[in-house]
């Protein structure tokens, strides 16, 4: 398992993307509308949109960990008694994932690339 990315959710992700592109002198890629990825070494910063209807606590973060078998990790965590709100899903950008929240409310995504 390795840290793959840090997810930053915002009501203005395009502005955040432009800022971080300048900070790191790098170009982000918009994989699907409203989702940009900026590769910094082995970690990717992801900027996504949230509507005003979704409350994202200001004192939390989102970490994404790449695993070899996302369904196996899902089953392992369920067996360990970790509360998971939804089964793994496959996203249009070809990553299969599920999420858990730690006791402080931080979001942890566990992902596996399932594309070509």
C-alpha atoms as a PDB file:
ATOM      1  CA  UNK A   1       0.000   0.000   0.000  1.00  0.00           C
ATOM      2  CA  UNK A   2       1.311   3.464  -0.835  1.00  0.00           C
ATOM      3  CA  UNK A   3       0.066   7.026  -0.537  1.00  0.00           C
ATOM      4  CA  UNK A   4      -1.147   7.882  -4.018  1.00  0.00           C
ATOM      5  CA  UNK A   5      -2.778  11.267  -3.650  1.00  0.00           C
ATOM      6  CA  UNK A   6      -4.201  14.010  -1.499  1.00  0.00           C
ATOM      7  CA  UNK A   7      -7.748  15.084  -2.385  1.00  0.00           C
ATOM      8  CA  UNK A   8      -8.649  18.733  -2.004  1.00  0.00           C
ATOM      9  CA  UNK A   9     -12.383  19.395  -2.301  1.00  0.00           C
ATOM     10  CA  UNK A  10     -13.457  22.944  -3.096  1.00  0.00           C
ATOM     11  CA  UNK A  11     -16.229  25.097  -4.486  1.00  0.00           C
ATOM     12  CA  UNK A  12     -13.540  26.636  -6.750  1.00  0.00           C
ATOM     13  CA  UNK A  13     -11.256  23.763  -7.798  1.00  0.00           C
ATOM     14  CA  UNK A  14     -10.164  25.480 -11.043  1.00  0.00           C
ATOM     15  CA  UNK A  15      -8.770  28.383  -9.007  1.00  0.00           C
ATOM     16  CA  UNK A  16      -6.965  25.983  -6.653  1.00  0.00           C
ATOM     17  CA  UNK A  17      -5.576  24.074  -9.604  1.00  0.00           C
ATOM     18  CA  UNK A  18      -4.198  27.255 -11.184  1.00  0.00           C
ATOM     19  CA  UNK A  19      -2.619  28.259  -7.861  1.00  0.00           C
ATOM     20  CA  UNK A  20      -0.909  24.896  -7.331  1.00  0.00           C
ATOM     21  CA  UNK A  21       0.268  24.794 -10.955  1.00  0.00           C
ATOM     22  CA  UNK A  22       2.130  28.045 -10.249  1.00  0.00           C
ATOM     23  CA  UNK A  23       3.455  26.837  -6.878  1.00  0.00           C
ATOM     24  CA  UNK A  24       4.905  23.630  -8.323  1.00  0.00           C
ATOM     25  CA  UNK A  25       5.616  24.914 -11.872  1.00  0.00           C
ATOM     26  CA  UNK A  26       3.699  21.940 -13.233  1.00  0.00           C
ATOM     27  CA  UNK A  27       0.641  21.393 -15.423  1.00  0.00           C
ATOM     28  CA  UNK A  28      -2.486  19.676 -14.097  1.00  0.00           C
ATOM     29  CA  UNK A  29      -4.650  17.361 -16.175  1.00  0.00           C
ATOM     30  CA  UNK A  30      -8.450  17.563 -16.134  1.00  0.00           C
ATOM     31  CA  UNK A  31      -9.410  13.880 -16.346  1.00  0.00           C
ATOM     32  CA  UNK A  32     -13.149  14.434 -16.287  1.00  0.00           C
ATOM     33  CA  UNK A  33     -15.033  17.726 -15.971  1.00  0.00           C
ATOM     34  CA  UNK A  34     -14.411  19.233 -12.550  1.00  0.00           C
ATOM     35  CA  UNK A  35     -11.550  16.901 -11.523  1.00  0.00           C
ATOM     36  CA  UNK A  36      -7.912  17.927 -11.983  1.00  0.00           C
ATOM     37  CA  UNK A  37      -4.804  15.947 -11.083  1.00  0.00           C
ATOM     38  CA  UNK A  38      -1.372  17.462 -10.502  1.00  0.00           C
ATOM     39  CA  UNK A  39       1.509  14.993 -10.166  1.00  0.00           C
ATOM     40  CA  UNK A  40       4.156  16.017  -7.610  1.00  0.00           C
ATOM     41  CA  UNK A  41       6.810  13.300  -7.381  1.00  0.00           C
ATOM     42  CA  UNK A  42       5.107  10.046  -6.360  1.00  0.00           C
ATOM     43  CA  UNK A  43       2.021  11.810  -4.979  1.00  0.00           C
ATOM     44  CA  UNK A  44      -0.820  13.394  -6.929  1.00  0.00           C
ATOM     45  CA  UNK A  45      -2.810  16.404  -5.762  1.00  0.00           C
ATOM     46  CA  UNK A  46      -6.447  16.058  -6.824  1.00  0.00           C
ATOM     47  CA  UNK A  47      -8.775  19.043  -6.965  1.00  0.00           C
ATOM     48  CA  UNK A  48     -12.495  18.317  -7.205  1.00  0.00           C
ATOM     49  CA  UNK A  49     -15.689  20.307  -6.984  1.00  0.00           C
ATOM     50  CA  UNK A  50     -18.182  20.256  -4.153  1.00  0.00           C
ATOM     51  CA  UNK A  51     -21.468  22.089  -4.225  1.00  0.00           C
ATOM     52  CA  UNK A  52     -22.612  24.413  -1.491  1.00  0.00           C
ATOM     53  CA  UNK A  53     -24.992  21.665  -0.394  1.00  0.00           C
ATOM     54  CA  UNK A  54     -22.134  19.364   0.639  1.00  0.00           C
ATOM     55  CA  UNK A  55     -20.489  20.228   3.923  1.00  0.00           C
ATOM     56  CA  UNK A  56     -16.749  19.518   3.895  1.00  0.00           C
ATOM     57  CA  UNK A  57     -15.321  20.111   7.372  1.00  0.00           C
ATOM     58  CA  UNK A  58     -12.532  22.679   7.189  1.00  0.00           C
ATOM     59  CA  UNK A  59     -10.353  20.754   9.622  1.00  0.00           C
ATOM     60  CA  UNK A  60     -10.245  17.464   7.704  1.00  0.00           C
ATOM     61  CA  UNK A  61      -8.268  16.128   4.766  1.00  0.00           C
ATOM     62  CA  UNK A  62      -8.593  13.414   2.173  1.00  0.00           C
ATOM     63  CA  UNK A  63      -5.828  10.879   1.651  1.00  0.00           C
ATOM     64  CA  UNK A  64      -5.793   8.275  -1.098  1.00  0.00           C
ATOM     65  CA  UNK A  65      -3.886   5.009  -0.865  1.00  0.00           C
ATOM     66  CA  UNK A  66      -3.211   2.782  -3.870  1.00  0.00           C
ATOM     67  CA  UNK A  67      -3.634  -0.931  -3.159  1.00  0.00           C
ATOM     68  CA  UNK A  68      -3.144  -4.055  -5.261  1.00  0.00           C
ATOM     69  CA  UNK A  69      -6.606  -5.479  -4.564  1.00  0.00           C
ATOM     70  CA  UNK A  70      -9.239  -2.917  -3.555  1.00  0.00           C
ATOM     71  CA  UNK A  71     -11.954  -5.541  -3.077  1.00  0.00           C
ATOM     72  CA  UNK A  72      -9.646  -7.614  -0.881  1.00  0.00           C
ATOM     73  CA  UNK A  73      -8.805  -4.557   1.255  1.00  0.00           C
ATOM     74  CA  UNK A  74     -12.520  -3.775   1.536  1.00  0.00           C
ATOM     75  CA  UNK A  75     -13.231  -7.297   2.828  1.00  0.00           C
ATOM     76  CA  UNK A  76     -10.227  -7.202   5.177  1.00  0.00           C
ATOM     77  CA  UNK A  77     -11.347  -3.918   6.736  1.00  0.00           C
ATOM     78  CA  UNK A  78     -14.944  -5.116   7.099  1.00  0.00           C
ATOM     79  CA  UNK A  79     -13.635  -8.214   8.874  1.00  0.00           C
ATOM     80  CA  UNK A  80     -11.567  -5.974  11.168  1.00  0.00           C
ATOM     81  CA  UNK A  81     -14.738  -4.148  12.225  1.00  0.00           C
ATOM     82  CA  UNK A  82     -14.044  -0.908  10.341  1.00  0.00           C
ATOM     83  CA  UNK A  83     -17.237   0.941   9.441  1.00  0.00           C
ATOM     84  CA  UNK A  84     -17.526   1.428   5.673  1.00  0.00           C
ATOM     85  CA  UNK A  85     -20.555   3.210   4.252  1.00  0.00           C
ATOM     86  CA  UNK A  86     -20.431   1.818   0.699  1.00  0.00           C
ATOM     87  CA  UNK A  87     -18.916  -1.046  -1.287  1.00  0.00           C
ATOM     88  CA  UNK A  88     -16.162  -0.339  -3.843  1.00  0.00           C
ATOM     89  CA  UNK A  89     -17.219   1.453  -7.024  1.00  0.00           C
ATOM     90  CA  UNK A  90     -15.484   1.993 -10.362  1.00  0.00           C
ATOM     91  CA  UNK A  91     -15.197   5.629 -11.504  1.00  0.00           C
ATOM     92  CA  UNK A  92     -15.123   6.951 -15.108  1.00  0.00           C
ATOM     93  CA  UNK A  93     -11.402   7.772 -14.704  1.00  0.00           C
ATOM     94  CA  UNK A  94     -10.753   3.995 -14.382  1.00  0.00           C
ATOM     95  CA  UNK A  95     -10.056   3.706 -10.665  1.00  0.00           C
ATOM     96  CA  UNK A  96     -12.016   1.385  -8.379  1.00  0.00           C
ATOM     97  CA  UNK A  97     -12.339   2.696  -4.829  1.00  0.00           C
ATOM     98  CA  UNK A  98     -13.998   2.711  -1.438  1.00  0.00           C
ATOM     99  CA  UNK A  99     -13.663   5.132   1.453  1.00  0.00           C
ATOM    100  CA  UNK A 100     -13.598   5.157   5.231  1.00  0.00           C
ATOM    101  CA  UNK A 101     -13.490   7.978   7.749  1.00  0.00           C
ATOM    102  CA  UNK A 102     -11.034   7.935  10.618  1.00  0.00           C
ATOM    103  CA  UNK A 103     -12.200   8.871  14.141  1.00  0.00           C
ATOM    104  CA  UNK A 104     -11.458  12.575  13.437  1.00  0.00           C
ATOM    105  CA  UNK A 105     -13.509  12.578  10.220  1.00  0.00           C
ATOM    106  CA  UNK A 106     -10.606  12.475   7.757  1.00  0.00           C
ATOM    107  CA  UNK A 107     -11.505  10.656   4.547  1.00  0.00           C
ATOM    108  CA  UNK A 108      -9.304   7.726   3.495  1.00  0.00           C
ATOM    109  CA  UNK A 109      -9.796   6.426  -0.048  1.00  0.00           C
ATOM    110  CA  UNK A 110      -8.400   3.036  -1.052  1.00  0.00           C
ATOM    111  CA  UNK A 111      -8.016   2.728  -4.820  1.00  0.00           C
ATOM    112  CA  UNK A 112      -6.920   0.345  -7.554  1.00  0.00           C
ATOM    113  CA  UNK A 113      -6.395   1.229 -11.217  1.00  0.00           C
ATOM    114  CA  UNK A 114      -8.641  -0.980 -13.375  1.00  0.00           C
ATOM    115  CA  UNK A 115      -8.021   0.594 -16.788  1.00  0.00           C
ATOM    116  CA  UNK A 116      -6.072  -0.852 -19.664  1.00  0.00           C
END
